Amino acid sequence: MSNLLDLMRKLSSDAALAAEYEKDPETVLRRAGLSDDERQAMLGKDYAAIKRLTGLADGKFATNHIIQAYDE
């Protein structure tokens, strides 16, 4: 699995990491060992580049968006 895809999965399942990413994405991306292209794609929210860099197929696309549950 690519470092980028691994990080994206962790961001969706690790609330502490997601909060850290929200405050300082560059540090989280560097610590994850991403390439310059991967970091630029994530910081720029360049979904076409993220898709290309992760090798994800259409219909199986993950993003760096975080889904949060809120109590009613």
PDB file of N, CA and C in Angstrom:
ATOM      1  N   MET A   1       0.855  -1.177   0.000  1.00  0.00           N
ATOM      2  CA  MET A   1       0.000   0.000   0.000  1.00  0.00           C
ATOM      3  C   MET A   1       0.900   1.238   0.000  1.00  0.00           C
ATOM      4  N   SER A   2       0.490   2.252  -0.745  1.00  0.00           N
ATOM      5  CA  SER A   2       1.279   3.480  -0.798  1.00  0.00           C
ATOM      6  C   SER A   2       1.180   4.232   0.525  1.00  0.00           C
ATOM      7  N   ASN A   3       2.196   5.025   0.816  1.00  0.00           N
ATOM      8  CA  ASN A   3       2.160   5.852   2.021  1.00  0.00           C
ATOM      9  C   ASN A   3       0.972   6.804   1.999  1.00  0.00           C
ATOM     10  N   LEU A   4       0.654   7.333   0.819  1.00  0.00           N
ATOM     11  CA  LEU A   4      -0.454   8.262   0.703  1.00  0.00           C
ATOM     12  C   LEU A   4      -1.775   7.583   1.040  1.00  0.00           C
ATOM     13  N   LEU A   5      -2.017   6.430   0.469  1.00  0.00           N
ATOM     14  CA  LEU A   5      -3.265   5.716   0.731  1.00  0.00           C
ATOM     15  C   LEU A   5      -3.343   5.306   2.199  1.00  0.00           C
ATOM     16  N   ASP A   6      -2.228   4.863   2.741  1.00  0.00           N
ATOM     17  CA  ASP A   6      -2.181   4.495   4.155  1.00  0.00           C
ATOM     18  C   ASP A   6      -2.523   5.700   5.035  1.00  0.00           C
ATOM     19  N   LEU A   7      -1.954   6.844   4.744  1.00  0.00           N
ATOM     20  CA  LEU A   7      -2.246   8.055   5.519  1.00  0.00           C
ATOM     21  C   LEU A   7      -3.716   8.429   5.391  1.00  0.00           C
ATOM     22  N   MET A   8      -4.266   8.369   4.198  1.00  0.00           N
ATOM     23  CA  MET A   8      -5.666   8.728   4.001  1.00  0.00           C
ATOM     24  C   MET A   8      -6.579   7.827   4.823  1.00  0.00           C
ATOM     25  N   ARG A   9      -6.265   6.563   4.881  1.00  0.00           N
ATOM     26  CA  ARG A   9      -7.066   5.628   5.692  1.00  0.00           C
ATOM     27  C   ARG A   9      -6.922   5.941   7.178  1.00  0.00           C
ATOM     28  N   LYS A  10      -5.715   6.266   7.607  1.00  0.00           N
ATOM     29  CA  LYS A  10      -5.511   6.618   9.016  1.00  0.00           C
ATOM     30  C   LYS A  10      -6.248   7.904   9.377  1.00  0.00           C
ATOM     31  N   LEU A  11      -6.249   8.876   8.462  1.00  0.00           N
ATOM     32  CA  LEU A  11      -6.954  10.134   8.725  1.00  0.00           C
ATOM     33  C   LEU A  11      -8.451   9.911   8.920  1.00  0.00           C
ATOM     34  N   SER A  12      -8.988   8.898   8.282  1.00  0.00           N
ATOM     35  CA  SER A  12     -10.419   8.643   8.402  1.00  0.00           C
ATOM     36  C   SER A  12     -10.770   7.821   9.632  1.00  0.00           C
ATOM     37  N   SER A  13      -9.763   7.238  10.289  1.00  0.00           N
ATOM     38  CA  SER A  13     -10.057   6.371  11.430  1.00  0.00           C
ATOM     39  C   SER A  13      -9.403   6.811  12.739  1.00  0.00           C
ATOM     40  N   ASP A  14      -8.508   7.772  12.688  1.00  0.00           N
ATOM     41  CA  ASP A  14      -7.762   8.211  13.876  1.00  0.00           C
ATOM     42  C   ASP A  14      -8.086   9.686  14.143  1.00  0.00           C
ATOM     43  N   ALA A  15      -8.954   9.917  15.117  1.00  0.00           N
ATOM     44  CA  ALA A  15      -9.422  11.278  15.406  1.00  0.00           C
ATOM     45  C   ALA A  15      -8.276  12.196  15.814  1.00  0.00           C
ATOM     46  N   ALA A  16      -7.323  11.693  16.588  1.00  0.00           N
ATOM     47  CA  ALA A  16      -6.205  12.530  17.026  1.00  0.00           C
ATOM     48  C   ALA A  16      -5.342  12.941  15.832  1.00  0.00           C
ATOM     49  N   LEU A  17      -5.090  12.012  14.938  1.00  0.00           N
ATOM     50  CA  LEU A  17      -4.305  12.320  13.739  1.00  0.00           C
ATOM     51  C   LEU A  17      -5.062  13.308  12.859  1.00  0.00           C
ATOM     52  N   ALA A  18      -6.360  13.117  12.715  1.00  0.00           N
ATOM     53  CA  ALA A  18      -7.176  14.025  11.909  1.00  0.00           C
ATOM     54  C   ALA A  18      -7.144  15.440  12.480  1.00  0.00           C
ATOM     55  N   ALA A  19      -7.197  15.563  13.801  1.00  0.00           N
ATOM     56  CA  ALA A  19      -7.141  16.884  14.439  1.00  0.00           C
ATOM     57  C   ALA A  19      -5.779  17.521  14.220  1.00  0.00           C
ATOM     58  N   GLU A  20      -4.728  16.726  14.328  1.00  0.00           N
ATOM     59  CA  GLU A  20      -3.376  17.235  14.081  1.00  0.00           C
ATOM     60  C   GLU A  20      -3.234  17.677  12.626  1.00  0.00           C
ATOM     61  N   TYR A  21      -3.783  16.898  11.706  1.00  0.00           N
ATOM     62  CA  TYR A  21      -3.725  17.243  10.279  1.00  0.00           C
ATOM     63  C   TYR A  21      -4.457  18.554  10.014  1.00  0.00           C
ATOM     64  N   GLU A  22      -5.575  18.737  10.676  1.00  0.00           N
ATOM     65  CA  GLU A  22      -6.342  19.973  10.491  1.00  0.00           C
ATOM     66  C   GLU A  22      -5.535  21.194  10.934  1.00  0.00           C
ATOM     67  N   LYS A  23      -4.761  21.044  11.997  1.00  0.00           N
ATOM     68  CA  LYS A  23      -3.964  22.156  12.530  1.00  0.00           C
ATOM     69  C   LYS A  23      -2.654  22.358  11.781  1.00  0.00           C
ATOM     70  N   ASP A  24      -2.007  21.257  11.374  1.00  0.00           N
ATOM     71  CA  ASP A  24      -0.678  21.348  10.752  1.00  0.00           C
ATOM     72  C   ASP A  24      -0.501  20.232   9.724  1.00  0.00           C
ATOM     73  N   PRO A  25      -1.179  20.366   8.586  1.00  0.00           N
ATOM     74  CA  PRO A  25      -1.122  19.276   7.600  1.00  0.00           C
ATOM     75  C   PRO A  25       0.284  18.999   7.072  1.00  0.00           C
ATOM     76  N   GLU A  26       1.081  20.013   6.878  1.00  0.00           N
ATOM     77  CA  GLU A  26       2.422  19.821   6.316  1.00  0.00           C
ATOM     78  C   GLU A  26       3.259  18.884   7.190  1.00  0.00           C
ATOM     79  N   THR A  27       3.208  19.066   8.491  1.00  0.00           N
ATOM     80  CA  THR A  27       3.977  18.209   9.401  1.00  0.00           C
ATOM     81  C   THR A  27       3.500  16.767   9.326  1.00  0.00           C
ATOM     82  N   VAL A  28       2.195  16.564   9.312  1.00  0.00           N
ATOM     83  CA  VAL A  28       1.646  15.213   9.238  1.00  0.00           C
ATOM     84  C   VAL A  28       2.043  14.557   7.913  1.00  0.00           C
ATOM     85  N   LEU A  29       1.980  15.305   6.827  1.00  0.00           N
ATOM     86  CA  LEU A  29       2.337  14.755   5.519  1.00  0.00           C
ATOM     87  C   LEU A  29       3.815  14.394   5.453  1.00  0.00           C
ATOM     88  N   ARG A  30       4.673  15.228   5.995  1.00  0.00           N
ATOM     89  CA  ARG A  30       6.117  14.932   5.991  1.00  0.00           C
ATOM     90  C   ARG A  30       6.420  13.707   6.851  1.00  0.00           C
ATOM     91  N   ARG A  31       5.787  13.651   8.026  1.00  0.00           N
ATOM     92  CA  ARG A  31       6.029  12.526   8.936  1.00  0.00           C
ATOM     93  C   ARG A  31       5.568  11.208   8.303  1.00  0.00           C
ATOM     94  N   ALA A  32       4.566  11.270   7.447  1.00  0.00           N
ATOM     95  CA  ALA A  32       4.047  10.066   6.790  1.00  0.00           C
ATOM     96  C   ALA A  32       4.974   9.586   5.675  1.00  0.00           C
ATOM     97  N   GLY A  33       5.980  10.386   5.348  1.00  0.00           N
ATOM     98  CA  GLY A  33       6.946   9.982   4.337  1.00  0.00           C
ATOM     99  C   GLY A  33       6.446  10.135   2.915  1.00  0.00           C
ATOM    100  N   LEU A  34       5.556  11.092   2.689  1.00  0.00           N
ATOM    101  CA  LEU A  34       5.019  11.300   1.350  1.00  0.00           C
ATOM    102  C   LEU A  34       6.016  12.020   0.456  1.00  0.00           C
ATOM    103  N   SER A  35       5.897  11.770  -0.831  1.00  0.00           N
ATOM    104  CA  SER A  35       6.734  12.457  -1.812  1.00  0.00           C
ATOM    105  C   SER A  35       6.255  13.907  -1.946  1.00  0.00           C
ATOM    106  N   ASP A  36       7.052  14.727  -2.609  1.00  0.00           N
ATOM    107  CA  ASP A  36       6.643  16.118  -2.858  1.00  0.00           C
ATOM    108  C   ASP A  36       5.326  16.173  -3.625  1.00  0.00           C
ATOM    109  N   ASP A  37       5.188  15.317  -4.642  1.00  0.00           N
ATOM    110  CA  ASP A  37       3.952  15.287  -5.431  1.00  0.00           C
ATOM    111  C   ASP A  37       2.754  14.908  -4.575  1.00  0.00           C
ATOM    112  N   GLU A  38       2.928  13.934  -3.710  1.00  0.00           N
ATOM    113  CA  GLU A  38       1.832  13.508  -2.833  1.00  0.00           C
ATOM    114  C   GLU A  38       1.448  14.612  -1.856  1.00  0.00           C
ATOM    115  N   ARG A  39       2.447  15.267  -1.284  1.00  0.00           N
ATOM    116  CA  ARG A  39       2.151  16.369  -0.343  1.00  0.00           C
ATOM    117  C   ARG A  39       1.426  17.498  -1.058  1.00  0.00           C
ATOM    118  N   GLN A  40       1.895  17.862  -2.239  1.00  0.00           N
ATOM    119  CA  GLN A  40       1.253  18.949  -2.987  1.00  0.00           C
ATOM    120  C   GLN A  40      -0.182  18.596  -3.350  1.00  0.00           C
ATOM    121  N   ALA A  41      -0.415  17.349  -3.731  1.00  0.00           N
ATOM    122  CA  ALA A  41      -1.774  16.914  -4.083  1.00  0.00           C
ATOM    123  C   ALA A  41      -2.705  17.015  -2.879  1.00  0.00           C
ATOM    124  N   MET A  42      -2.231  16.576  -1.735  1.00  0.00           N
ATOM    125  CA  MET A  42      -3.066  16.632  -0.523  1.00  0.00           C
ATOM    126  C   MET A  42      -3.304  18.073  -0.095  1.00  0.00           C
ATOM    127  N   LEU A  43      -2.265  18.876  -0.058  1.00  0.00           N
ATOM    128  CA  LEU A  43      -2.420  20.269   0.375  1.00  0.00           C
ATOM    129  C   LEU A  43      -3.307  21.063  -0.582  1.00  0.00           C
ATOM    130  N   GLY A  44      -3.224  20.739  -1.869  1.00  0.00           N
ATOM    131  CA  GLY A  44      -4.015  21.439  -2.872  1.00  0.00           C
ATOM    132  C   GLY A  44      -5.376  20.813  -3.114  1.00  0.00           C
ATOM    133  N   LYS A  45      -5.668  19.723  -2.393  1.00  0.00           N
ATOM    134  CA  LYS A  45      -6.923  18.987  -2.588  1.00  0.00           C
ATOM    135  C   LYS A  45      -7.146  18.666  -4.061  1.00  0.00           C
ATOM    136  N   ASP A  46      -6.074  18.226  -4.693  1.00  0.00           N
ATOM    137  CA  ASP A  46      -6.075  17.884  -6.115  1.00  0.00           C
ATOM    138  C   ASP A  46      -6.498  16.423  -6.251  1.00  0.00           C
ATOM    139  N   TYR A  47      -7.816  16.211  -6.363  1.00  0.00           N
ATOM    140  CA  TYR A  47      -8.358  14.860  -6.344  1.00  0.00           C
ATOM    141  C   TYR A  47      -7.892  14.017  -7.531  1.00  0.00           C
ATOM    142  N   ALA A  48      -7.712  14.629  -8.687  1.00  0.00           N
ATOM    143  CA  ALA A  48      -7.220  13.880  -9.844  1.00  0.00           C
ATOM    144  C   ALA A  48      -5.802  13.359  -9.574  1.00  0.00           C
ATOM    145  N   ALA A  49      -4.959  14.190  -8.993  1.00  0.00           N
ATOM    146  CA  ALA A  49      -3.591  13.770  -8.674  1.00  0.00           C
ATOM    147  C   ALA A  49      -3.591  12.722  -7.562  1.00  0.00           C
ATOM    148  N   ILE A  50      -4.436  12.910  -6.555  1.00  0.00           N
ATOM    149  CA  ILE A  50      -4.515  11.930  -5.462  1.00  0.00           C
ATOM    150  C   ILE A  50      -4.936  10.576  -6.021  1.00  0.00           C
ATOM    151  N   LYS A  51      -5.922  10.582  -6.894  1.00  0.00           N
ATOM    152  CA  LYS A  51      -6.393   9.341  -7.509  1.00  0.00           C
ATOM    153  C   LYS A  51      -5.264   8.676  -8.290  1.00  0.00           C
ATOM    154  N   ARG A  52      -4.547   9.453  -9.068  1.00  0.00           N
ATOM    155  CA  ARG A  52      -3.438   8.920  -9.863  1.00  0.00           C
ATOM    156  C   ARG A  52      -2.330   8.378  -8.961  1.00  0.00           C
ATOM    157  N   LEU A  53      -1.994   9.110  -7.912  1.00  0.00           N
ATOM    158  CA  LEU A  53      -0.888   8.733  -7.037  1.00  0.00           C
ATOM    159  C   LEU A  53      -1.200   7.512  -6.173  1.00  0.00           C
ATOM    160  N   THR A  54      -2.463   7.312  -5.846  1.00  0.00           N
ATOM    161  CA  THR A  54      -2.846   6.160  -5.022  1.00  0.00           C
ATOM    162  C   THR A  54      -3.192   4.941  -5.862  1.00  0.00           C
ATOM    163  N   GLY A  55      -3.503   5.166  -7.138  1.00  0.00           N
ATOM    164  CA  GLY A  55      -3.892   4.062  -7.997  1.00  0.00           C
ATOM    165  C   GLY A  55      -5.310   3.588  -7.753  1.00  0.00           C
ATOM    166  N   LEU A  56      -6.104   4.395  -7.077  1.00  0.00           N
ATOM    167  CA  LEU A  56      -7.488   4.005  -6.796  1.00  0.00           C
ATOM    168  C   LEU A  56      -8.321   4.054  -8.068  1.00  0.00           C
ATOM    169  N   ALA A  57      -9.175   3.076  -8.236  1.00  0.00           N
ATOM    170  CA  ALA A  57     -10.044   3.006  -9.412  1.00  0.00           C
ATOM    171  C   ALA A  57     -11.281   3.866  -9.205  1.00  0.00           C
ATOM    172  N   ASP A  58     -11.914   4.229 -10.291  1.00  0.00           N
ATOM    173  CA  ASP A  58     -13.181   4.961 -10.207  1.00  0.00           C
ATOM    174  C   ASP A  58     -14.145   4.194  -9.325  1.00  0.00           C
ATOM    175  N   GLY A  59     -14.893   4.927  -8.512  1.00  0.00           N
ATOM    176  CA  GLY A  59     -15.862   4.306  -7.621  1.00  0.00           C
ATOM    177  C   GLY A  59     -15.260   3.835  -6.309  1.00  0.00           C
ATOM    178  N   LYS A  60     -13.950   3.884  -6.201  1.00  0.00           N
ATOM    179  CA  LYS A  60     -13.276   3.480  -4.965  1.00  0.00           C
ATOM    180  C   LYS A  60     -12.363   4.601  -4.496  1.00  0.00           C
ATOM    181  N   PHE A  61     -12.809   5.819  -4.700  1.00  0.00           N
ATOM    182  CA  PHE A  61     -11.976   6.984  -4.435  1.00  0.00           C
ATOM    183  C   PHE A  61     -12.123   7.449  -2.999  1.00  0.00           C
ATOM    184  N   ALA A  62     -11.016   7.624  -2.321  1.00  0.00           N
ATOM    185  CA  ALA A  62     -10.999   8.154  -0.962  1.00  0.00           C
ATOM    186  C   ALA A  62     -10.431   9.559  -1.012  1.00  0.00           C
ATOM    187  N   THR A  63     -10.858  10.408  -0.111  1.00  0.00           N
ATOM    188  CA  THR A  63     -10.352  11.773  -0.077  1.00  0.00           C
ATOM    189  C   THR A  63      -9.791  12.067   1.301  1.00  0.00           C
ATOM    190  N   ASN A  64      -9.309  13.272   1.461  1.00  0.00           N
ATOM    191  CA  ASN A  64      -8.827  13.663   2.773  1.00  0.00           C
ATOM    192  C   ASN A  64      -9.916  14.367   3.575  1.00  0.00           C
ATOM    193  N   HIS A  65     -11.158  14.213   3.157  1.00  0.00           N
ATOM    194  CA  HIS A  65     -12.266  14.759   3.922  1.00  0.00           C
ATOM    195  C   HIS A  65     -12.556  13.852   5.100  1.00  0.00           C
ATOM    196  N   ILE A  66     -12.926  14.431   6.187  1.00  0.00           N
ATOM    197  CA  ILE A  66     -13.191  13.697   7.403  1.00  0.00           C
ATOM    198  C   ILE A  66     -14.688  13.736   7.678  1.00  0.00           C
ATOM    199  N   ILE A  67     -15.266  12.584   7.932  1.00  0.00           N
ATOM    200  CA  ILE A  67     -16.684  12.518   8.275  1.00  0.00           C
ATOM    201  C   ILE A  67     -16.778  12.482   9.787  1.00  0.00           C
ATOM    202  N   GLN A  68     -17.549  13.400  10.322  1.00  0.00           N
ATOM    203  CA  GLN A  68     -17.709  13.478  11.767  1.00  0.00           C
ATOM    204  C   GLN A  68     -19.164  13.234  12.128  1.00  0.00           C
ATOM    205  N   ALA A  69     -19.396  12.540  13.216  1.00  0.00           N
ATOM    206  CA  ALA A  69     -20.748  12.304  13.697  1.00  0.00           C
ATOM    207  C   ALA A  69     -21.074  13.347  14.759  1.00  0.00           C
ATOM    208  N   TYR A  70     -22.272  13.853  14.697  1.00  0.00           N
ATOM    209  CA  TYR A  70     -22.721  14.846  15.670  1.00  0.00           C
ATOM    210  C   TYR A  70     -23.960  14.335  16.372  1.00  0.00           C
ATOM    211  N   ASP A  71     -24.024  14.539  17.664  1.00  0.00           N
ATOM    212  CA  ASP A  71     -25.225  14.183  18.411  1.00  0.00           C
ATOM    213  C   ASP A  71     -26.338  15.145  18.060  1.00  0.00           C
ATOM    214  N   GLU A  72     -27.539  14.626  18.060  1.00  0.00           N
ATOM    215  CA  GLU A  72     -28.694  15.487  17.763  1.00  0.00           C
ATOM    216  C   GLU A  72     -29.114  16.271  18.978  1.00  0.00           C
TER     217      GLU A  72
END
